[in-house]
Structure formats: structure tokens, C-alpha cells
Amino acid sequence: MKTYIYPAILYLDEESKGYTIAFHDLQLFTEGDTVEESYERAREYLEIYSDCVLKYGGTMPDATKYLETAKKYKDNIVLLVDSKKSD
């Protein structure tokens, strides 16, 4: 299984005090109560998304370079999230 790595932006939801992670390259979003929970959900979502795309004959889009994403979203935290399962 190939591992995919995409930049993801971490947003604090001031209202709920939770966190949202956005993969803008994929139009994929998830959230959690903590940074750690949000990150783990993002990994799971990315893995499920890539499995589905490949299962139905699609191709994964190229990931935007980390520095390009970091410059564009300089007021937020930019994480690199991989699709590899943690054992």
C-alpha cells in the first residue's frame, strides 16, 4: 500500500473550543476535541479517501508543497498528514 502525504491546516474553532483540520488539496475536512484527536481522524480520513479513490480507478491529486501551503496559511498551523495506518 502506498503512503500519501498531504499538508493540512489546523484551525481552532473558537465557539466549540475544538479543532478542524482541512486538506484543501482534497476538499476534505475533519474535526476533533483535541489537536491529537483531530490529527488521528485526519490520518484515518486520508487513508479511507485514498483507498476509495484507488479502488474505483481514480488517481490521487498531487499534494501542494509544504512551504507553499505554509506561506499561504501563515496564520495557522500547517501539518503534514500521512495515510499510513498506525499499528
PDB file of N, CA and C in Angstrom:
ATOM      1  N   MET A   1       0.848  -1.186   0.000  1.00  0.00           N
ATOM      2  CA  MET A   1       0.000   0.000   0.000  1.00  0.00           C
ATOM      3  C   MET A   1       0.892   1.248   0.000  1.00  0.00           C
ATOM      4  N   LYS A   2       0.595   2.161  -0.884  1.00  0.00           N
ATOM      5  CA  LYS A   2       1.349   3.401  -0.971  1.00  0.00           C
ATOM      6  C   LYS A   2       0.887   4.373   0.118  1.00  0.00           C
ATOM      7  N   THR A   3       1.842   5.092   0.667  1.00  0.00           N
ATOM      8  CA  THR A   3       1.525   6.114   1.665  1.00  0.00           C
ATOM      9  C   THR A   3       1.440   7.469   0.978  1.00  0.00           C
ATOM     10  N   TYR A   4       0.372   8.201   1.261  1.00  0.00           N
ATOM     11  CA  TYR A   4       0.194   9.550   0.725  1.00  0.00           C
ATOM     12  C   TYR A   4       0.414  10.544   1.851  1.00  0.00           C
ATOM     13  N   ILE A   5       1.056  11.650   1.512  1.00  0.00           N
ATOM     14  CA  ILE A   5       1.330  12.699   2.497  1.00  0.00           C
ATOM     15  C   ILE A   5       0.820  14.024   1.937  1.00  0.00           C
ATOM     16  N   TYR A   6      -0.040  14.681   2.714  1.00  0.00           N
ATOM     17  CA  TYR A   6      -0.622  15.951   2.299  1.00  0.00           C
ATOM     18  C   TYR A   6      -0.499  16.981   3.417  1.00  0.00           C
ATOM     19  N   PRO A   7      -0.317  18.246   3.035  1.00  0.00           N
ATOM     20  CA  PRO A   7      -0.363  19.298   4.047  1.00  0.00           C
ATOM     21  C   PRO A   7      -1.808  19.515   4.491  1.00  0.00           C
ATOM     22  N   ALA A   8      -1.979  19.762   5.759  1.00  0.00           N
ATOM     23  CA  ALA A   8      -3.304  20.003   6.317  1.00  0.00           C
ATOM     24  C   ALA A   8      -3.229  21.207   7.244  1.00  0.00           C
ATOM     25  N   ILE A   9      -4.269  22.011   7.261  1.00  0.00           N
ATOM     26  CA  ILE A   9      -4.292  23.228   8.070  1.00  0.00           C
ATOM     27  C   ILE A   9      -5.131  22.953   9.309  1.00  0.00           C
ATOM     28  N   LEU A  10      -4.575  23.322  10.450  1.00  0.00           N
ATOM     29  CA  LEU A  10      -5.262  23.144  11.728  1.00  0.00           C
ATOM     30  C   LEU A  10      -5.908  24.466  12.117  1.00  0.00           C
ATOM     31  N   TYR A  11      -7.201  24.431  12.350  1.00  0.00           N
ATOM     32  CA  TYR A  11      -7.961  25.614  12.750  1.00  0.00           C
ATOM     33  C   TYR A  11      -8.566  25.383  14.129  1.00  0.00           C
ATOM     34  N   LEU A  12      -8.492  26.388  14.975  1.00  0.00           N
ATOM     35  CA  LEU A  12      -9.173  26.353  16.266  1.00  0.00           C
ATOM     36  C   LEU A  12     -10.570  26.905  16.075  1.00  0.00           C
ATOM     37  N   ASP A  13     -11.562  26.164  16.533  1.00  0.00           N
ATOM     38  CA  ASP A  13     -12.947  26.632  16.489  1.00  0.00           C
ATOM     39  C   ASP A  13     -13.213  27.339  17.814  1.00  0.00           C
ATOM     40  N   GLU A  14     -13.203  28.652  17.783  1.00  0.00           N
ATOM     41  CA  GLU A  14     -13.364  29.464  18.998  1.00  0.00           C
ATOM     42  C   GLU A  14     -14.672  29.158  19.723  1.00  0.00           C
ATOM     43  N   GLU A  15     -15.703  28.860  18.962  1.00  0.00           N
ATOM     44  CA  GLU A  15     -17.013  28.630  19.557  1.00  0.00           C
ATOM     45  C   GLU A  15     -17.065  27.309  20.336  1.00  0.00           C
ATOM     46  N   SER A  16     -16.626  26.237  19.704  1.00  0.00           N
ATOM     47  CA  SER A  16     -16.714  24.920  20.341  1.00  0.00           C
ATOM     48  C   SER A  16     -15.455  24.547  21.106  1.00  0.00           C
ATOM     49  N   LYS A  17     -14.384  25.325  20.909  1.00  0.00           N
ATOM     50  CA  LYS A  17     -13.069  25.052  21.504  1.00  0.00           C
ATOM     51  C   LYS A  17     -12.465  23.750  20.981  1.00  0.00           C
ATOM     52  N   GLY A  18     -12.967  23.274  19.851  1.00  0.00           N
ATOM     53  CA  GLY A  18     -12.419  22.091  19.199  1.00  0.00           C
ATOM     54  C   GLY A  18     -11.512  22.506  18.055  1.00  0.00           C
ATOM     55  N   TYR A  19     -11.086  21.538  17.276  1.00  0.00           N
ATOM     56  CA  TYR A  19     -10.156  21.794  16.178  1.00  0.00           C
ATOM     57  C   TYR A  19     -10.671  21.181  14.891  1.00  0.00           C
ATOM     58  N   THR A  20     -10.438  21.868  13.804  1.00  0.00           N
ATOM     59  CA  THR A  20     -10.766  21.375  12.471  1.00  0.00           C
ATOM     60  C   THR A  20      -9.465  21.250  11.699  1.00  0.00           C
ATOM     61  N   ILE A  21      -9.347  20.183  10.939  1.00  0.00           N
ATOM     62  CA  ILE A  21      -8.205  20.010  10.041  1.00  0.00           C
ATOM     63  C   ILE A  21      -8.755  19.965   8.627  1.00  0.00           C
ATOM     64  N   ALA A  22      -8.144  20.754   7.749  1.00  0.00           N
ATOM     65  CA  ALA A  22      -8.585  20.849   6.359  1.00  0.00           C
ATOM     66  C   ALA A  22      -7.473  20.418   5.408  1.00  0.00           C
ATOM     67  N   PHE A  23      -7.802  19.479   4.536  1.00  0.00           N
ATOM     68  CA  PHE A  23      -6.930  19.128   3.413  1.00  0.00           C
ATOM     69  C   PHE A  23      -7.491  19.902   2.224  1.00  0.00           C
ATOM     70  N   HIS A  24      -6.980  21.086   1.975  1.00  0.00           N
ATOM     71  CA  HIS A  24      -7.521  21.904   0.890  1.00  0.00           C
ATOM     72  C   HIS A  24      -7.250  21.286  -0.478  1.00  0.00           C
ATOM     73  N   ASP A  25      -6.186  20.488  -0.609  1.00  0.00           N
ATOM     74  CA  ASP A  25      -5.912  19.814  -1.883  1.00  0.00           C
ATOM     75  C   ASP A  25      -7.009  18.821  -2.245  1.00  0.00           C
ATOM     76  N   LEU A  26      -7.675  18.278  -1.234  1.00  0.00           N
ATOM     77  CA  LEU A  26      -8.659  17.220  -1.445  1.00  0.00           C
ATOM     78  C   LEU A  26     -10.085  17.649  -1.128  1.00  0.00           C
ATOM     79  N   GLN A  27     -10.255  18.874  -0.627  1.00  0.00           N
ATOM     80  CA  GLN A  27     -11.565  19.334  -0.160  1.00  0.00           C
ATOM     81  C   GLN A  27     -12.115  18.362   0.893  1.00  0.00           C
ATOM     82  N   LEU A  28     -11.234  17.985   1.820  1.00  0.00           N
ATOM     83  CA  LEU A  28     -11.555  17.024   2.868  1.00  0.00           C
ATOM     84  C   LEU A  28     -11.331  17.686   4.219  1.00  0.00           C
ATOM     85  N   PHE A  29     -12.306  17.553   5.112  1.00  0.00           N
ATOM     86  CA  PHE A  29     -12.245  18.215   6.414  1.00  0.00           C
ATOM     87  C   PHE A  29     -12.654  17.238   7.507  1.00  0.00           C
ATOM     88  N   THR A  30     -12.068  17.393   8.672  1.00  0.00           N
ATOM     89  CA  THR A  30     -12.469  16.614   9.835  1.00  0.00           C
ATOM     90  C   THR A  30     -12.220  17.458  11.075  1.00  0.00           C
ATOM     91  N   GLU A  31     -12.697  16.974  12.209  1.00  0.00           N
ATOM     92  CA  GLU A  31     -12.542  17.751  13.434  1.00  0.00           C
ATOM     93  C   GLU A  31     -12.424  16.835  14.634  1.00  0.00           C
ATOM     94  N   GLY A  32     -12.032  17.435  15.746  1.00  0.00           N
ATOM     95  CA  GLY A  32     -11.919  16.698  16.996  1.00  0.00           C
ATOM     96  C   GLY A  32     -11.870  17.664  18.159  1.00  0.00           C
ATOM     97  N   ASP A  33     -11.956  17.112  19.347  1.00  0.00           N
ATOM     98  CA  ASP A  33     -11.935  17.940  20.558  1.00  0.00           C
ATOM     99  C   ASP A  33     -10.532  18.402  20.923  1.00  0.00           C
ATOM    100  N   THR A  34      -9.511  17.637  20.510  1.00  0.00           N
ATOM    101  CA  THR A  34      -8.118  17.988  20.803  1.00  0.00           C
ATOM    102  C   THR A  34      -7.326  17.977  19.502  1.00  0.00           C
ATOM    103  N   VAL A  35      -6.125  18.532  19.546  1.00  0.00           N
ATOM    104  CA  VAL A  35      -5.250  18.506  18.372  1.00  0.00           C
ATOM    105  C   VAL A  35      -4.943  17.060  18.007  1.00  0.00           C
ATOM    106  N   GLU A  36      -4.636  16.252  19.013  1.00  0.00           N
ATOM    107  CA  GLU A  36      -4.281  14.856  18.776  1.00  0.00           C
ATOM    108  C   GLU A  36      -5.434  14.083  18.133  1.00  0.00           C
ATOM    109  N   GLU A  37      -6.635  14.268  18.662  1.00  0.00           N
ATOM    110  CA  GLU A  37      -7.807  13.591  18.107  1.00  0.00           C
ATOM    111  C   GLU A  37      -8.062  14.036  16.669  1.00  0.00           C
ATOM    112  N   SER A  38      -7.927  15.316  16.418  1.00  0.00           N
ATOM    113  CA  SER A  38      -8.119  15.846  15.065  1.00  0.00           C
ATOM    114  C   SER A  38      -7.103  15.261  14.099  1.00  0.00           C
ATOM    115  N   TYR A  39      -5.855  15.178  14.538  1.00  0.00           N
ATOM    116  CA  TYR A  39      -4.784  14.637  13.693  1.00  0.00           C
ATOM    117  C   TYR A  39      -5.041  13.163  13.375  1.00  0.00           C
ATOM    118  N   GLU A  40      -5.405  12.380  14.370  1.00  0.00           N
ATOM    119  CA  GLU A  40      -5.673  10.956  14.140  1.00  0.00           C
ATOM    120  C   GLU A  40      -6.862  10.765  13.200  1.00  0.00           C
ATOM    121  N   ARG A  41      -7.888  11.566  13.362  1.00  0.00           N
ATOM    122  CA  ARG A  41      -9.035  11.482  12.447  1.00  0.00           C
ATOM    123  C   ARG A  41      -8.620  11.862  11.032  1.00  0.00           C
ATOM    124  N   ALA A  42      -7.762  12.864  10.919  1.00  0.00           N
ATOM    125  CA  ALA A  42      -7.284  13.281   9.601  1.00  0.00           C
ATOM    126  C   ALA A  42      -6.521  12.143   8.931  1.00  0.00           C
ATOM    127  N   ARG A  43      -5.689  11.445   9.687  1.00  0.00           N
ATOM    128  CA  ARG A  43      -4.956  10.293   9.129  1.00  0.00           C
ATOM    129  C   ARG A  43      -5.936   9.226   8.654  1.00  0.00           C
ATOM    130  N   GLU A  44      -6.944   8.934   9.477  1.00  0.00           N
ATOM    131  CA  GLU A  44      -7.937   7.927   9.115  1.00  0.00           C
ATOM    132  C   GLU A  44      -8.714   8.348   7.865  1.00  0.00           C
ATOM    133  N   TYR A  45      -9.144   9.587   7.829  1.00  0.00           N
ATOM    134  CA  TYR A  45      -9.911  10.078   6.679  1.00  0.00           C
ATOM    135  C   TYR A  45      -9.078  10.021   5.402  1.00  0.00           C
ATOM    136  N   LEU A  46      -7.805  10.413   5.502  1.00  0.00           N
ATOM    137  CA  LEU A  46      -6.930  10.391   4.338  1.00  0.00           C
ATOM    138  C   LEU A  46      -6.741   8.963   3.842  1.00  0.00           C
ATOM    139  N   GLU A  47      -6.589   8.023   4.748  1.00  0.00           N
ATOM    140  CA  GLU A  47      -6.431   6.632   4.357  1.00  0.00           C
ATOM    141  C   GLU A  47      -7.699   6.106   3.678  1.00  0.00           C
ATOM    142  N   ILE A  48      -8.840   6.372   4.253  1.00  0.00           N
ATOM    143  CA  ILE A  48     -10.110   5.920   3.682  1.00  0.00           C
ATOM    144  C   ILE A  48     -10.338   6.573   2.313  1.00  0.00           C
ATOM    145  N   TYR A  49     -10.069   7.868   2.244  1.00  0.00           N
ATOM    146  CA  TYR A  49     -10.250   8.608   0.993  1.00  0.00           C
ATOM    147  C   TYR A  49      -9.367   8.015  -0.103  1.00  0.00           C
ATOM    148  N   SER A  50      -8.079   7.821   0.185  1.00  0.00           N
ATOM    149  CA  SER A  50      -7.162   7.295  -0.835  1.00  0.00           C
ATOM    150  C   SER A  50      -7.538   5.874  -1.233  1.00  0.00           C
ATOM    151  N   ASP A  51      -7.955   5.039  -0.275  1.00  0.00           N
ATOM    152  CA  ASP A  51      -8.392   3.682  -0.599  1.00  0.00           C
ATOM    153  C   ASP A  51      -9.579   3.707  -1.561  1.00  0.00           C
ATOM    154  N   CYS A  52     -10.546   4.574  -1.298  1.00  0.00           N
ATOM    155  CA  CYS A  52     -11.738   4.668  -2.153  1.00  0.00           C
ATOM    156  C   CYS A  52     -11.393   5.176  -3.550  1.00  0.00           C
ATOM    157  N   VAL A  53     -10.577   6.209  -3.617  1.00  0.00           N
ATOM    158  CA  VAL A  53     -10.186   6.761  -4.921  1.00  0.00           C
ATOM    159  C   VAL A  53      -9.525   5.685  -5.767  1.00  0.00           C
ATOM    160  N   LEU A  54      -8.580   4.967  -5.173  1.00  0.00           N
ATOM    161  CA  LEU A  54      -7.847   3.957  -5.929  1.00  0.00           C
ATOM    162  C   LEU A  54      -8.724   2.737  -6.249  1.00  0.00           C
ATOM    163  N   LYS A  55      -9.598   2.366  -5.339  1.00  0.00           N
ATOM    164  CA  LYS A  55     -10.480   1.221  -5.555  1.00  0.00           C
ATOM    165  C   LYS A  55     -11.385   1.428  -6.766  1.00  0.00           C
ATOM    166  N   TYR A  56     -11.805   2.670  -6.982  1.00  0.00           N
ATOM    167  CA  TYR A  56     -12.715   2.955  -8.082  1.00  0.00           C
ATOM    168  C   TYR A  56     -12.017   3.552  -9.306  1.00  0.00           C
ATOM    169  N   GLY A  57     -10.701   3.321  -9.387  1.00  0.00           N
ATOM    170  CA  GLY A  57      -9.956   3.667 -10.592  1.00  0.00           C
ATOM    171  C   GLY A  57      -9.519   5.112 -10.725  1.00  0.00           C
ATOM    172  N   GLY A  58      -9.643   5.880  -9.675  1.00  0.00           N
ATOM    173  CA  GLY A  58      -9.210   7.265  -9.730  1.00  0.00           C
ATOM    174  C   GLY A  58      -7.727   7.401  -9.417  1.00  0.00           C
ATOM    175  N   THR A  59      -7.257   8.616  -9.456  1.00  0.00           N
ATOM    176  CA  THR A  59      -5.875   8.897  -9.077  1.00  0.00           C
ATOM    177  C   THR A  59      -5.872   9.987  -8.011  1.00  0.00           C
ATOM    178  N   MET A  60      -4.939   9.881  -7.119  1.00  0.00           N
ATOM    179  CA  MET A  60      -4.805  10.888  -6.072  1.00  0.00           C
ATOM    180  C   MET A  60      -4.147  12.132  -6.661  1.00  0.00           C
ATOM    181  N   PRO A  61      -4.682  13.312  -6.343  1.00  0.00           N
ATOM    182  CA  PRO A  61      -4.062  14.540  -6.848  1.00  0.00           C
ATOM    183  C   PRO A  61      -2.709  14.773  -6.186  1.00  0.00           C
ATOM    184  N   ASP A  62      -1.866  15.515  -6.869  1.00  0.00           N
ATOM    185  CA  ASP A  62      -0.579  15.873  -6.288  1.00  0.00           C
ATOM    186  C   ASP A  62      -0.797  16.761  -5.079  1.00  0.00           C
ATOM    187  N   ALA A  63       0.030  16.549  -4.077  1.00  0.00           N
ATOM    188  CA  ALA A  63      -0.033  17.380  -2.875  1.00  0.00           C
ATOM    189  C   ALA A  63       0.691  18.693  -3.116  1.00  0.00           C
ATOM    190  N   THR A  64       0.145  19.756  -2.592  1.00  0.00           N
ATOM    191  CA  THR A  64       0.816  21.047  -2.632  1.00  0.00           C
ATOM    192  C   THR A  64       2.068  20.959  -1.762  1.00  0.00           C
ATOM    193  N   LYS A  65       3.122  21.608  -2.173  1.00  0.00           N
ATOM    194  CA  LYS A  65       4.370  21.615  -1.392  1.00  0.00           C
ATOM    195  C   LYS A  65       4.118  22.248  -0.026  1.00  0.00           C
ATOM    196  N   TYR A  66       4.787  21.711   0.984  1.00  0.00           N
ATOM    197  CA  TYR A  66       4.599  22.190   2.355  1.00  0.00           C
ATOM    198  C   TYR A  66       4.870  23.686   2.475  1.00  0.00           C
ATOM    199  N   LEU A  67       5.998  24.158   1.949  1.00  0.00           N
ATOM    200  CA  LEU A  67       6.349  25.580   2.091  1.00  0.00           C
ATOM    201  C   LEU A  67       5.336  26.486   1.407  1.00  0.00           C
ATOM    202  N   GLU A  68       4.822  26.051   0.284  1.00  0.00           N
ATOM    203  CA  GLU A  68       3.797  26.830  -0.418  1.00  0.00           C
ATOM    204  C   GLU A  68       2.540  26.948   0.450  1.00  0.00           C
ATOM    205  N   THR A  69       2.150  25.835   1.056  1.00  0.00           N
ATOM    206  CA  THR A  69       0.975  25.832   1.929  1.00  0.00           C
ATOM    207  C   THR A  69       1.235  26.673   3.177  1.00  0.00           C
ATOM    208  N   ALA A  70       2.415  26.532   3.765  1.00  0.00           N
ATOM    209  CA  ALA A  70       2.751  27.280   4.977  1.00  0.00           C
ATOM    210  C   ALA A  70       2.740  28.786   4.721  1.00  0.00           C
ATOM    211  N   LYS A  71       3.203  29.204   3.559  1.00  0.00           N
ATOM    212  CA  LYS A  71       3.180  30.636   3.222  1.00  0.00           C
ATOM    213  C   LYS A  71       1.754  31.134   3.023  1.00  0.00           C
ATOM    214  N   LYS A  72       0.939  30.312   2.377  1.00  0.00           N
ATOM    215  CA  LYS A  72      -0.443  30.703   2.096  1.00  0.00           C
ATOM    216  C   LYS A  72      -1.280  30.789   3.374  1.00  0.00           C
ATOM    217  N   TYR A  73      -1.020  29.892   4.310  1.00  0.00           N
ATOM    218  CA  TYR A  73      -1.789  29.839   5.558  1.00  0.00           C
ATOM    219  C   TYR A  73      -0.886  30.179   6.743  1.00  0.00           C
ATOM    220  N   LYS A  74      -0.143  31.261   6.606  1.00  0.00           N
ATOM    221  CA  LYS A  74       0.887  31.615   7.590  1.00  0.00           C
ATOM    222  C   LYS A  74       0.340  31.925   8.977  1.00  0.00           C
ATOM    223  N   ASP A  75      -0.930  32.204   9.106  1.00  0.00           N
ATOM    224  CA  ASP A  75      -1.513  32.487  10.418  1.00  0.00           C
ATOM    225  C   ASP A  75      -2.067  31.239  11.096  1.00  0.00           C
ATOM    226  N   ASN A  76      -1.893  30.093  10.462  1.00  0.00           N
ATOM    227  CA  ASN A  76      -2.384  28.833  11.007  1.00  0.00           C
ATOM    228  C   ASN A  76      -1.243  27.830  11.116  1.00  0.00           C
ATOM    229  N   ILE A  77      -1.499  26.745  11.800  1.00  0.00           N
ATOM    230  CA  ILE A  77      -0.519  25.660  11.893  1.00  0.00           C
ATOM    231  C   ILE A  77      -0.747  24.732  10.708  1.00  0.00           C
ATOM    232  N   VAL A  78       0.342  24.424  10.007  1.00  0.00           N
ATOM    233  CA  VAL A  78       0.278  23.517   8.871  1.00  0.00           C
ATOM    234  C   VAL A  78       0.971  22.216   9.273  1.00  0.00           C
ATOM    235  N   LEU A  79       0.246  21.129   9.142  1.00  0.00           N
ATOM    236  CA  LEU A  79       0.764  19.801   9.494  1.00  0.00           C
ATOM    237  C   LEU A  79       0.928  18.973   8.235  1.00  0.00           C
ATOM    238  N   LEU A  80       1.839  18.020   8.277  1.00  0.00           N
ATOM    239  CA  LEU A  80       1.904  17.021   7.227  1.00  0.00           C
ATOM    240  C   LEU A  80       1.233  15.774   7.771  1.00  0.00           C
ATOM    241  N   VAL A  81       0.253  15.286   7.047  1.00  0.00           N
ATOM    242  CA  VAL A  81      -0.514  14.114   7.486  1.00  0.00           C
ATOM    243  C   VAL A  81      -0.305  13.018   6.461  1.00  0.00           C
ATOM    244  N   ASP A  82      -0.009  11.809   6.976  1.00  0.00           N
ATOM    245  CA  ASP A  82       0.184  10.669   6.075  1.00  0.00           C
ATOM    246  C   ASP A  82      -0.974   9.690   6.220  1.00  0.00           C
ATOM    247  N   SER A  83      -1.131   8.868   5.194  1.00  0.00           N
ATOM    248  CA  SER A  83      -2.247   7.928   5.152  1.00  0.00           C
ATOM    249  C   SER A  83      -1.881   6.551   5.699  1.00  0.00           C
ATOM    250  N   LYS A  84      -0.685   6.419   6.190  1.00  0.00           N
ATOM    251  CA  LYS A  84      -0.232   5.116   6.677  1.00  0.00           C
ATOM    252  C   LYS A  84      -0.936   4.740   7.974  1.00  0.00           C
ATOM    253  N   LYS A  85      -1.361   3.491   8.052  1.00  0.00           N
ATOM    254  CA  LYS A  85      -2.006   3.001   9.270  1.00  0.00           C
ATOM    255  C   LYS A  85      -0.993   2.923  10.407  1.00  0.00           C
ATOM    256  N   SER A  86      -1.419   3.320  11.598  1.00  0.00           N
ATOM    257  CA  SER A  86      -0.564   3.136  12.756  1.00  0.00           C
ATOM    258  C   SER A  86      -0.957   1.817  13.418  1.00  0.00           C
ATOM    259  N   ASP A  87       0.026   0.970  13.672  1.00  0.00           N
ATOM    260  CA  ASP A  87      -0.244  -0.361  14.249  1.00  0.00           C
ATOM    261  C   ASP A  87      -0.285  -0.325  15.768  1.00  0.00           C
TER     262      ASP A  87
END
